[in-house]
Every structure is written in C-alpha cells, then in structure tokens.
C-alpha cells in the first residue's frame, strides 16, 4: 500500500507540475528541478543499483542531458537528491526520451521500489538577488 501511495503521489506530481508552473511561461530565468529521495538503510544498494542501471541505459541510448545526484551528509535519515537545471520553461517541457518509454518505466519502477518517500520541487533563479560569475549566461550589473 505504501508503495502504491508513493507511485500515485509521483504521478500526481508529474501531472500537477505543468499546471502549477504554467502561469510563469514568460519568465526566462533558469529553472532548477530538485527531487529528494528518502531511502531506508536496507535499500541503499537497491537504490544505487537502480540509479546506475538507468544511467547506463540512458547513455547507451544516446542521452545527452545532464544532472547531478547528491547524498545528504548530515541530518536524520538517508536522503539522495537529484538536481537538473533548465535554461527556461521551453527547455523544461521539451525533455528527451533517450531510454525509451517502456524500458524507462521498468527501470524507474525498479528504482522507485527502494524509495520510502519522495519530494519534488521547482526553483526559479532570482538573478537580481544573486551574484553569478560572468560565464553563467546571466547579465551582471
């Protein structure tokens, strides 16, 4: 039952994100997708194996997008964080399906079975409040 709720909330999040962010399509600032995965200690190996299998399949099928995975090193529990930047909303909605839909679903199901809880967040960059290097593609004042 717990896994069904987790998968259901993941699907709801995927369906709700376009509706939640639709109001801001004109904003051309960078967007950062962040997914947090809480993993029980006994499922760390499954989580790592699932992530490695998905990455290997993605790269073997010509995937070119980039992302980073982080592991929290302080705080309660074991949390992994997936981050993926997007240049703008068009880039966010374009996406890429290098793995293939059926294989991707299988790998994601293998991966998600090791996850106890998951949260997804979208962040918009605030260039006026940021101090960015000139090479970031954002104008400096």
N, C-alpha and C. Protein backbone atom coordinates (compact mmCIF):
# COMPACT_ATOMS: atom_id res chain seq x y z
N UNK A 1 0.82 -1.19 0.00
CA UNK A 1 0.00 0.00 0.00
C UNK A 1 0.87 1.26 0.00
N UNK A 2 1.94 1.23 0.83
CA UNK A 2 2.83 2.38 0.91
C UNK A 2 3.46 2.69 -0.45
N UNK A 3 3.87 1.64 -1.18
CA UNK A 3 4.49 1.83 -2.50
C UNK A 3 3.47 2.38 -3.49
N UNK A 4 2.22 1.93 -3.40
CA UNK A 4 1.18 2.45 -4.29
C UNK A 4 0.95 3.94 -4.04
N UNK A 5 0.95 4.35 -2.78
CA UNK A 5 0.80 5.77 -2.46
C UNK A 5 1.98 6.57 -2.99
N UNK A 6 3.18 6.03 -2.87
CA UNK A 6 4.37 6.70 -3.36
C UNK A 6 4.31 6.87 -4.87
N UNK A 7 3.96 5.81 -5.57
CA UNK A 7 3.86 5.89 -7.04
C UNK A 7 2.74 6.83 -7.43
N UNK A 8 1.61 6.76 -6.72
CA UNK A 8 0.49 7.66 -7.01
C UNK A 8 0.87 9.11 -6.81
N UNK A 9 1.60 9.41 -5.74
CA UNK A 9 2.00 10.79 -5.49
C UNK A 9 3.01 11.25 -6.54
N UNK A 10 3.88 10.35 -6.99
CA UNK A 10 4.82 10.68 -8.05
C UNK A 10 4.08 11.04 -9.33
N UNK A 11 3.09 10.23 -9.70
CA UNK A 11 2.30 10.51 -10.89
C UNK A 11 1.53 11.81 -10.75
N UNK A 12 0.95 12.05 -9.58
CA UNK A 12 0.23 13.29 -9.34
C UNK A 12 1.15 14.48 -9.48
N UNK A 13 2.35 14.36 -8.93
CA UNK A 13 3.32 15.45 -9.03
C UNK A 13 3.68 15.72 -10.48
N UNK A 14 3.89 14.67 -11.26
CA UNK A 14 4.24 14.83 -12.67
C UNK A 14 3.11 15.51 -13.45
N UNK A 15 1.87 15.18 -13.09
CA UNK A 15 0.72 15.78 -13.78
C UNK A 15 0.46 17.19 -13.30
N UNK A 16 0.74 17.47 -12.03
CA UNK A 16 0.43 18.77 -11.46
C UNK A 16 1.47 19.82 -11.80
N UNK A 17 2.71 19.44 -12.01
CA UNK A 17 3.77 20.41 -12.25
C UNK A 17 3.45 21.33 -13.42
N UNK A 18 3.01 20.82 -14.59
CA UNK A 18 2.70 21.75 -15.67
C UNK A 18 1.62 22.75 -15.30
N UNK A 19 0.61 22.35 -14.54
CA UNK A 19 -0.45 23.26 -14.15
C UNK A 19 0.06 24.30 -13.17
N UNK A 20 0.89 23.90 -12.25
CA UNK A 20 1.40 24.81 -11.23
C UNK A 20 2.32 25.86 -11.84
N UNK A 21 3.14 25.47 -12.80
CA UNK A 21 4.13 26.38 -13.35
C UNK A 21 3.66 27.09 -14.61
N UNK A 22 2.49 26.78 -15.10
CA UNK A 22 2.02 27.34 -16.36
C UNK A 22 1.93 28.86 -16.34
N UNK A 23 1.65 29.46 -15.20
CA UNK A 23 1.48 30.89 -15.11
C UNK A 23 2.75 31.66 -15.42
N UNK A 24 3.90 31.04 -15.36
CA UNK A 24 5.17 31.74 -15.41
C UNK A 24 5.96 31.45 -16.68
N UNK A 25 5.30 31.10 -17.78
CA UNK A 25 6.00 30.74 -19.01
C UNK A 25 6.80 31.88 -19.62
N UNK A 26 6.44 33.11 -19.32
CA UNK A 26 7.13 34.23 -19.94
C UNK A 26 8.47 34.52 -19.26
N UNK A 27 8.66 34.04 -18.07
CA UNK A 27 9.89 34.26 -17.33
C UNK A 27 11.00 33.40 -17.95
N UNK A 28 12.09 34.03 -18.34
CA UNK A 28 13.17 33.31 -19.00
C UNK A 28 14.31 32.95 -18.05
N UNK A 29 14.09 33.03 -16.75
CA UNK A 29 15.15 32.69 -15.81
C UNK A 29 15.37 31.18 -15.77
N UNK A 30 16.51 30.81 -15.24
CA UNK A 30 16.83 29.39 -15.10
C UNK A 30 15.85 28.72 -14.15
N UNK A 31 15.61 27.44 -14.37
CA UNK A 31 14.73 26.64 -13.53
C UNK A 31 15.55 25.46 -13.03
N UNK A 32 15.36 25.13 -11.78
CA UNK A 32 16.08 24.01 -11.19
C UNK A 32 15.06 23.01 -10.65
N UNK A 33 15.11 21.79 -11.15
CA UNK A 33 14.27 20.70 -10.65
C UNK A 33 15.07 19.97 -9.58
N UNK A 34 14.45 19.78 -8.42
CA UNK A 34 15.10 19.06 -7.33
C UNK A 34 14.15 17.99 -6.83
N UNK A 35 14.62 16.74 -6.84
CA UNK A 35 13.87 15.62 -6.27
C UNK A 35 14.67 15.08 -5.09
N UNK A 36 14.00 14.94 -3.95
CA UNK A 36 14.62 14.34 -2.77
C UNK A 36 14.05 12.94 -2.59
N UNK A 37 14.91 11.97 -2.36
CA UNK A 37 14.50 10.58 -2.15
C UNK A 37 14.99 10.11 -0.78
N UNK A 38 14.08 9.77 0.10
CA UNK A 38 14.46 9.14 1.38
C UNK A 38 14.53 7.64 1.15
N UNK A 39 15.64 7.05 1.54
CA UNK A 39 15.89 5.63 1.31
C UNK A 39 16.22 4.97 2.65
N UNK A 40 15.58 3.86 2.94
CA UNK A 40 15.88 3.10 4.16
C UNK A 40 17.28 2.50 4.03
N UNK A 41 17.99 2.39 5.15
CA UNK A 41 19.36 1.84 5.09
C UNK A 41 19.45 0.49 4.37
N UNK A 42 18.45 -0.36 4.56
CA UNK A 42 18.49 -1.68 3.92
C UNK A 42 18.22 -1.63 2.42
N UNK A 43 17.84 -0.45 1.89
CA UNK A 43 17.55 -0.32 0.46
C UNK A 43 18.57 0.52 -0.31
N UNK A 44 19.65 0.93 0.36
CA UNK A 44 20.64 1.77 -0.31
C UNK A 44 21.23 1.07 -1.53
N UNK A 45 21.58 -0.20 -1.41
CA UNK A 45 22.17 -0.92 -2.54
C UNK A 45 21.20 -1.02 -3.71
N UNK A 46 19.92 -1.25 -3.43
CA UNK A 46 18.91 -1.28 -4.49
C UNK A 46 18.80 0.08 -5.17
N UNK A 47 18.79 1.14 -4.37
CA UNK A 47 18.69 2.50 -4.91
C UNK A 47 19.88 2.79 -5.83
N UNK A 48 21.08 2.50 -5.35
CA UNK A 48 22.29 2.75 -6.14
C UNK A 48 22.29 1.92 -7.42
N UNK A 49 21.93 0.65 -7.32
CA UNK A 49 21.90 -0.23 -8.50
C UNK A 49 20.87 0.26 -9.50
N UNK A 50 19.71 0.69 -9.02
CA UNK A 50 18.67 1.20 -9.91
C UNK A 50 19.11 2.47 -10.62
N UNK A 51 19.76 3.37 -9.88
CA UNK A 51 20.26 4.60 -10.49
C UNK A 51 21.35 4.33 -11.51
N UNK A 52 22.25 3.41 -11.20
CA UNK A 52 23.33 3.05 -12.13
C UNK A 52 22.77 2.39 -13.39
N UNK A 53 21.77 1.52 -13.24
CA UNK A 53 21.17 0.85 -14.40
C UNK A 53 20.48 1.86 -15.30
N UNK A 54 19.76 2.81 -14.70
CA UNK A 54 19.06 3.82 -15.50
C UNK A 54 20.07 4.69 -16.24
N UNK A 55 21.13 5.14 -15.56
CA UNK A 55 22.15 5.97 -16.20
C UNK A 55 22.83 5.23 -17.34
N UNK A 56 23.21 3.97 -17.11
CA UNK A 56 23.88 3.18 -18.15
C UNK A 56 22.99 3.05 -19.38
N UNK A 57 21.73 2.71 -19.18
CA UNK A 57 20.79 2.57 -20.29
C UNK A 57 20.61 3.90 -21.01
N UNK A 58 20.50 4.98 -20.25
CA UNK A 58 20.33 6.33 -20.82
C UNK A 58 21.50 6.69 -21.73
N UNK A 59 22.71 6.48 -21.24
CA UNK A 59 23.90 6.82 -22.03
C UNK A 59 24.07 5.91 -23.23
N UNK A 60 23.77 4.61 -23.08
CA UNK A 60 23.87 3.67 -24.20
C UNK A 60 22.89 4.01 -25.31
N UNK A 61 21.80 4.69 -24.98
CA UNK A 61 20.79 5.06 -25.97
C UNK A 61 20.93 6.49 -26.45
N UNK A 62 22.10 7.09 -26.24
CA UNK A 62 22.39 8.41 -26.80
C UNK A 62 21.90 9.59 -25.98
N UNK A 63 21.56 9.40 -24.72
CA UNK A 63 21.10 10.51 -23.88
C UNK A 63 22.19 11.56 -23.72
N UNK A 64 21.79 12.83 -23.77
CA UNK A 64 22.77 13.91 -23.71
C UNK A 64 22.51 14.91 -22.58
N UNK A 65 21.37 14.82 -21.91
CA UNK A 65 21.07 15.77 -20.85
C UNK A 65 21.95 15.50 -19.63
N UNK A 66 22.13 16.51 -18.80
CA UNK A 66 22.97 16.38 -17.62
C UNK A 66 22.15 16.56 -16.35
N UNK A 67 22.64 15.96 -15.27
CA UNK A 67 22.01 16.09 -13.96
C UNK A 67 23.07 15.77 -12.91
N UNK A 68 22.77 16.05 -11.66
CA UNK A 68 23.66 15.66 -10.58
C UNK A 68 22.84 14.94 -9.50
N UNK A 69 23.49 14.02 -8.83
CA UNK A 69 22.89 13.30 -7.70
C UNK A 69 23.75 13.62 -6.48
N UNK A 70 23.10 13.95 -5.39
CA UNK A 70 23.77 14.30 -4.15
C UNK A 70 23.29 13.36 -3.05
N UNK A 71 24.13 13.13 -2.05
CA UNK A 71 23.72 12.40 -0.85
C UNK A 71 23.91 13.32 0.34
N UNK A 72 22.83 13.51 1.09
CA UNK A 72 22.91 14.36 2.28
C UNK A 72 23.87 13.73 3.28
N UNK A 73 24.75 14.55 3.86
CA UNK A 73 25.75 14.02 4.78
C UNK A 73 25.51 14.43 6.23
N UNK A 74 24.44 15.16 6.49
CA UNK A 74 24.06 15.48 7.86
C UNK A 74 22.55 15.43 7.96
N UNK A 75 22.05 15.28 9.14
CA UNK A 75 20.61 15.20 9.33
C UNK A 75 20.15 13.77 9.50
N UNK A 76 18.89 13.65 9.84
CA UNK A 76 18.31 12.34 10.12
C UNK A 76 17.95 11.61 8.82
N UNK A 77 18.18 10.33 8.79
CA UNK A 77 17.80 9.51 7.64
C UNK A 77 18.80 9.60 6.50
N UNK A 78 18.50 8.85 5.45
CA UNK A 78 19.35 8.81 4.27
C UNK A 78 18.58 9.43 3.12
N UNK A 79 19.07 10.55 2.63
CA UNK A 79 18.39 11.27 1.57
C UNK A 79 19.34 11.49 0.41
N UNK A 80 18.87 11.13 -0.79
CA UNK A 80 19.57 11.41 -2.03
C UNK A 80 18.80 12.51 -2.74
N UNK A 81 19.51 13.38 -3.43
CA UNK A 81 18.87 14.49 -4.13
C UNK A 81 19.33 14.50 -5.58
N UNK A 82 18.35 14.57 -6.47
CA UNK A 82 18.57 14.67 -7.91
C UNK A 82 18.34 16.12 -8.29
N UNK A 83 19.29 16.73 -9.00
CA UNK A 83 19.10 18.10 -9.47
C UNK A 83 19.32 18.16 -10.97
N UNK A 84 18.49 18.94 -11.63
CA UNK A 84 18.60 19.12 -13.07
C UNK A 84 18.24 20.55 -13.41
N UNK A 85 19.18 21.31 -13.98
CA UNK A 85 18.88 22.69 -14.37
C UNK A 85 18.26 22.75 -15.77
N UNK A 86 17.45 23.75 -15.98
CA UNK A 86 16.86 24.03 -17.28
C UNK A 86 17.07 25.51 -17.59
N UNK A 87 17.34 25.83 -18.84
CA UNK A 87 17.59 27.22 -19.23
C UNK A 87 16.33 28.07 -19.13
N UNK A 88 15.17 27.46 -19.38
CA UNK A 88 13.90 28.19 -19.37
C UNK A 88 12.76 27.18 -19.38
N UNK A 89 11.52 27.67 -19.43
CA UNK A 89 10.36 26.77 -19.41
C UNK A 89 10.29 25.91 -20.66
N UNK A 90 10.67 26.46 -21.80
CA UNK A 90 10.65 25.69 -23.04
C UNK A 90 11.58 24.48 -22.91
N UNK A 91 12.75 24.69 -22.36
CA UNK A 91 13.70 23.60 -22.13
C UNK A 91 13.12 22.58 -21.14
N UNK A 92 12.44 23.07 -20.11
CA UNK A 92 11.84 22.19 -19.11
C UNK A 92 10.81 21.25 -19.74
N UNK A 93 9.94 21.80 -20.59
CA UNK A 93 8.87 21.00 -21.17
C UNK A 93 9.32 20.16 -22.37
N UNK A 94 10.46 20.52 -22.98
CA UNK A 94 10.93 19.78 -24.16
C UNK A 94 11.35 18.36 -23.78
N UNK A 95 12.23 18.24 -22.81
CA UNK A 95 12.66 16.92 -22.34
C UNK A 95 13.28 16.08 -23.44
N UNK A 96 13.68 14.88 -23.07
CA UNK A 96 14.29 13.95 -24.01
C UNK A 96 13.98 12.55 -23.51
N UNK A 97 13.72 11.65 -24.42
CA UNK A 97 13.36 10.27 -24.05
C UNK A 97 14.35 9.31 -24.69
N UNK A 98 15.61 9.37 -24.25
CA UNK A 98 16.65 8.54 -24.84
C UNK A 98 16.51 7.07 -24.48
N UNK A 99 15.97 6.77 -23.32
CA UNK A 99 15.91 5.39 -22.85
C UNK A 99 14.80 4.61 -23.53
N UNK A 100 13.75 5.26 -23.93
CA UNK A 100 12.58 4.56 -24.46
C UNK A 100 11.56 4.42 -23.35
N UNK A 101 10.31 4.66 -23.68
CA UNK A 101 9.27 4.74 -22.65
C UNK A 101 9.12 3.45 -21.85
N UNK A 102 9.06 2.30 -22.53
CA UNK A 102 8.83 1.04 -21.82
C UNK A 102 10.01 0.69 -20.90
N UNK A 103 11.22 0.80 -21.43
CA UNK A 103 12.42 0.49 -20.62
C UNK A 103 12.55 1.49 -19.47
N UNK A 104 12.25 2.76 -19.75
CA UNK A 104 12.32 3.78 -18.72
C UNK A 104 11.37 3.47 -17.57
N UNK A 105 10.16 3.05 -17.88
CA UNK A 105 9.18 2.71 -16.84
C UNK A 105 9.68 1.54 -16.00
N UNK A 106 10.25 0.53 -16.65
CA UNK A 106 10.76 -0.64 -15.92
C UNK A 106 11.89 -0.22 -14.98
N UNK A 107 12.85 0.56 -15.48
CA UNK A 107 13.97 0.99 -14.66
C UNK A 107 13.51 1.90 -13.52
N UNK A 108 12.57 2.80 -13.81
CA UNK A 108 12.06 3.69 -12.77
C UNK A 108 11.32 2.91 -11.70
N UNK A 109 10.56 1.89 -12.09
CA UNK A 109 9.86 1.07 -11.10
C UNK A 109 10.86 0.33 -10.21
N UNK A 110 11.93 -0.21 -10.81
CA UNK A 110 12.96 -0.88 -10.02
C UNK A 110 13.59 0.11 -9.04
N UNK A 111 13.85 1.30 -9.51
CA UNK A 111 14.47 2.36 -8.73
C UNK A 111 13.53 2.85 -7.63
N UNK A 112 12.29 3.12 -7.97
CA UNK A 112 11.33 3.70 -7.03
C UNK A 112 10.95 2.73 -5.92
N UNK A 113 11.08 1.43 -6.16
CA UNK A 113 10.76 0.45 -5.12
C UNK A 113 11.71 0.54 -3.92
N UNK A 114 12.86 1.16 -4.09
CA UNK A 114 13.81 1.31 -2.98
C UNK A 114 13.60 2.62 -2.22
N UNK A 115 12.66 3.44 -2.67
CA UNK A 115 12.44 4.77 -2.09
C UNK A 115 11.28 4.72 -1.09
N UNK A 116 11.52 5.25 0.11
CA UNK A 116 10.46 5.32 1.12
C UNK A 116 9.58 6.55 0.90
N UNK A 117 10.20 7.70 0.64
CA UNK A 117 9.48 8.95 0.41
C UNK A 117 10.19 9.75 -0.66
N UNK A 118 9.42 10.58 -1.38
CA UNK A 118 10.00 11.42 -2.41
C UNK A 118 9.30 12.77 -2.42
N UNK A 119 10.09 13.84 -2.61
CA UNK A 119 9.55 15.18 -2.76
C UNK A 119 10.16 15.78 -4.02
N UNK A 120 9.35 16.53 -4.77
CA UNK A 120 9.83 17.23 -5.96
C UNK A 120 9.57 18.72 -5.80
N UNK A 121 10.55 19.51 -6.20
CA UNK A 121 10.43 20.96 -6.12
C UNK A 121 10.98 21.57 -7.40
N UNK A 122 10.42 22.71 -7.79
CA UNK A 122 10.95 23.51 -8.88
C UNK A 122 11.35 24.86 -8.31
N UNK A 123 12.52 25.32 -8.69
CA UNK A 123 13.00 26.62 -8.23
C UNK A 123 13.28 27.49 -9.45
N UNK A 124 12.95 28.78 -9.35
CA UNK A 124 13.28 29.76 -10.38
C UNK A 124 14.42 30.61 -9.85
N UNK A 125 15.40 30.84 -10.71
CA UNK A 125 16.54 31.65 -10.31
C UNK A 125 16.12 33.11 -10.15
N UNK A 126 16.68 33.79 -9.18
CA UNK A 126 16.44 35.21 -8.97
C UNK A 126 17.75 35.96 -9.25
N UNK A 127 17.99 36.29 -10.52
CA UNK A 127 19.26 36.91 -10.89
C UNK A 127 19.52 38.24 -10.18
N UNK A 128 18.45 39.01 -9.90
CA UNK A 128 18.64 40.31 -9.25
C UNK A 128 19.16 40.18 -7.82
N UNK A 129 18.95 39.04 -7.19
CA UNK A 129 19.41 38.82 -5.82
C UNK A 129 20.63 37.91 -5.76
N UNK A 130 21.09 37.47 -6.92
CA UNK A 130 22.20 36.52 -6.99
C UNK A 130 23.48 37.23 -7.39
N UNK A 131 24.59 36.63 -7.05
CA UNK A 131 25.90 37.09 -7.52
C UNK A 131 26.48 35.93 -8.33
N UNK A 132 26.42 36.08 -9.65
CA UNK A 132 26.79 34.99 -10.55
C UNK A 132 28.06 35.33 -11.31
N UNK A 133 28.87 34.32 -11.63
CA UNK A 133 30.04 34.57 -12.46
C UNK A 133 29.61 34.99 -13.87
N UNK A 134 30.43 35.76 -14.54
CA UNK A 134 30.10 36.25 -15.88
C UNK A 134 29.83 35.11 -16.85
N UNK A 135 30.42 33.95 -16.65
CA UNK A 135 30.25 32.83 -17.58
C UNK A 135 28.93 32.10 -17.40
N UNK A 136 28.08 32.53 -16.46
CA UNK A 136 26.83 31.81 -16.18
C UNK A 136 25.76 32.07 -17.22
N UNK A 137 25.98 33.03 -18.11
CA UNK A 137 24.97 33.33 -19.12
C UNK A 137 23.95 34.34 -18.64
N UNK A 138 24.08 34.83 -17.44
CA UNK A 138 23.16 35.83 -16.90
C UNK A 138 23.91 37.15 -16.80
N UNK A 139 23.27 38.21 -17.23
CA UNK A 139 23.90 39.53 -17.24
C UNK A 139 24.29 39.96 -15.83
N UNK A 140 25.43 40.59 -15.70
CA UNK A 140 25.89 41.15 -14.43
C UNK A 140 25.69 42.66 -14.46
N UNK A 141 25.34 43.21 -13.33
CA UNK A 141 25.18 44.67 -13.25
C UNK A 141 26.26 45.26 -12.40
